């Protein structure tokens, strides 16, 4: 297994639990509350070749920017979190998966853009 180049700082964020005080609007029951920073770690972030999907339903061109993220193994990261990196917000769409024997965690992230790049 190759050694990861952990040269990027990323921040994992999570939303408050649905049953946490103040997490839901008392009148309408909708979710409120902002994403909160959980931890900032060193990571390896590698872009995955871009895929483009054109949505004819509403006339938008949507671009999906995917990246593979690898960090040192941790037990406090889950798929319900998201990642902030250089002002970008990336959703965890696959993983986190253990790589090696608790050496790394790896996940696929996706950033959506309606700008498209067309």
Protein backbone atom coordinates (compact mmCIF):
# COMPACT_ATOMS: atom_id res chain seq x y z
CA UNK A 1 0.00 0.00 0.00
CA UNK A 2 1.34 3.41 -0.92
CA UNK A 3 1.78 6.16 1.62
CA UNK A 4 -0.78 8.94 1.31
CA UNK A 5 0.41 12.52 0.83
CA UNK A 6 -1.58 14.26 3.54
CA UNK A 7 -0.95 17.84 2.41
CA UNK A 8 -4.42 19.48 2.53
CA UNK A 9 -6.37 20.79 5.52
CA UNK A 10 -10.04 19.81 5.46
CA UNK A 11 -12.77 20.38 8.02
CA UNK A 12 -15.49 17.84 8.73
CA UNK A 13 -18.88 19.27 9.68
CA UNK A 14 -22.06 17.74 11.06
CA UNK A 15 -25.62 18.85 11.63
CA UNK A 16 -27.15 18.70 15.09
CA UNK A 17 -29.09 15.51 15.80
CA UNK A 18 -32.78 15.76 14.89
CA UNK A 19 -33.76 15.20 18.52
CA UNK A 20 -31.26 17.74 19.92
CA UNK A 21 -32.77 20.81 21.59
CA UNK A 22 -33.31 23.56 19.03
CA UNK A 23 -32.70 21.28 16.03
CA UNK A 24 -36.32 21.49 14.83
CA UNK A 25 -38.67 24.41 14.43
CA UNK A 26 -41.25 24.09 17.26
CA UNK A 27 -44.16 25.17 15.04
CA UNK A 28 -43.45 23.54 11.68
CA UNK A 29 -41.07 20.73 12.69
CA UNK A 30 -38.58 21.55 9.93
CA UNK A 31 -34.85 21.23 10.54
CA UNK A 32 -33.05 24.34 11.70
CA UNK A 33 -29.55 24.82 12.89
CA UNK A 34 -26.37 25.24 10.97
CA UNK A 35 -23.64 22.77 10.19
CA UNK A 36 -20.99 22.82 12.91
CA UNK A 37 -17.28 22.16 12.57
CA UNK A 38 -16.29 18.86 14.16
CA UNK A 39 -12.60 18.48 13.37
CA UNK A 40 -9.93 19.76 11.00
CA UNK A 41 -7.40 17.19 9.76
CA UNK A 42 -4.65 16.70 7.20
CA UNK A 43 -5.85 14.88 4.10
CA UNK A 44 -5.02 13.75 0.61
CA UNK A 45 -7.57 15.04 -1.91
CA UNK A 46 -7.42 13.65 -5.44
CA UNK A 47 -9.87 14.75 -8.16
CA UNK A 48 -11.77 12.02 -9.99
CA UNK A 49 -12.30 12.73 -13.73
CA UNK A 50 -15.33 14.98 -14.18
CA UNK A 51 -18.73 13.69 -15.12
CA UNK A 52 -21.39 15.93 -16.61
CA UNK A 53 -25.14 15.40 -16.38
CA UNK A 54 -27.53 17.61 -18.25
CA UNK A 55 -30.94 17.94 -16.67
CA UNK A 56 -33.62 18.73 -19.18
CA UNK A 57 -36.34 18.87 -16.53
CA UNK A 58 -35.60 22.43 -15.52
CA UNK A 59 -33.10 23.45 -18.17
CA UNK A 60 -30.06 23.34 -15.87
CA UNK A 61 -26.67 21.97 -16.72
CA UNK A 62 -25.30 20.27 -13.64
CA UNK A 63 -21.68 19.39 -13.12
CA UNK A 64 -20.59 16.84 -10.52
CA UNK A 65 -17.08 17.32 -9.25
CA UNK A 66 -15.89 14.20 -7.43
CA UNK A 67 -12.78 13.71 -5.36
CA UNK A 68 -11.25 10.88 -3.35
CA UNK A 69 -10.32 11.90 0.20
CA UNK A 70 -7.93 9.96 2.38
CA UNK A 71 -7.21 10.79 6.03
CA UNK A 72 -5.55 9.01 8.91
CA UNK A 73 -7.84 6.41 10.48
CA UNK A 74 -10.39 7.79 12.94
CA UNK A 75 -13.57 6.45 14.49
CA UNK A 76 -15.50 9.74 14.70
CA UNK A 77 -16.15 10.29 10.97
CA UNK A 78 -19.39 9.10 9.34
CA UNK A 79 -21.26 9.44 6.06
CA UNK A 80 -23.75 11.97 7.49
CA UNK A 81 -20.98 14.58 7.67
CA UNK A 82 -19.73 16.92 4.99
CA UNK A 83 -16.32 18.40 4.21
CA UNK A 84 -15.20 22.01 3.82
CA UNK A 85 -12.08 22.64 1.74
CA UNK A 86 -10.93 26.05 0.50
CA UNK A 87 -14.45 27.50 0.58
CA UNK A 88 -15.95 24.47 -1.16
CA UNK A 89 -18.59 22.22 0.40
CA UNK A 90 -18.31 18.53 -0.46
CA UNK A 91 -20.79 15.81 0.46
CA UNK A 92 -19.61 12.34 1.41
CA UNK A 93 -21.23 10.03 -1.15
CA UNK A 94 -19.25 6.84 -0.52
CA UNK A 95 -17.48 5.58 2.56
CA UNK A 96 -15.77 6.19 4.84
CA UNK A 97 -13.96 2.90 4.28
CA UNK A 98 -11.01 1.54 6.23
CA UNK A 99 -7.80 1.22 4.21
CA UNK A 100 -5.11 -1.06 5.55
CA UNK A 101 -5.36 -2.12 9.13
CA UNK A 102 -6.73 1.07 10.58
CA UNK A 103 -4.14 3.09 8.72
CA UNK A 104 -6.40 5.36 6.65
CA UNK A 105 -10.04 6.23 6.00
CA UNK A 106 -11.01 6.80 2.40
CA UNK A 107 -14.20 8.31 1.01
CA UNK A 108 -15.57 9.77 -2.20
CA UNK A 109 -16.79 13.36 -2.02
CA UNK A 110 -18.97 15.24 -4.47
CA UNK A 111 -19.46 18.93 -5.02
CA UNK A 112 -22.49 19.94 -7.04
CA UNK A 113 -22.51 22.93 -9.30
CA UNK A 114 -25.40 24.25 -11.38
CA UNK A 115 -22.91 26.46 -13.22
CA UNK A 116 -22.10 23.43 -15.35
CA UNK A 117 -19.03 24.52 -17.22
CA UNK A 118 -20.86 24.28 -20.52
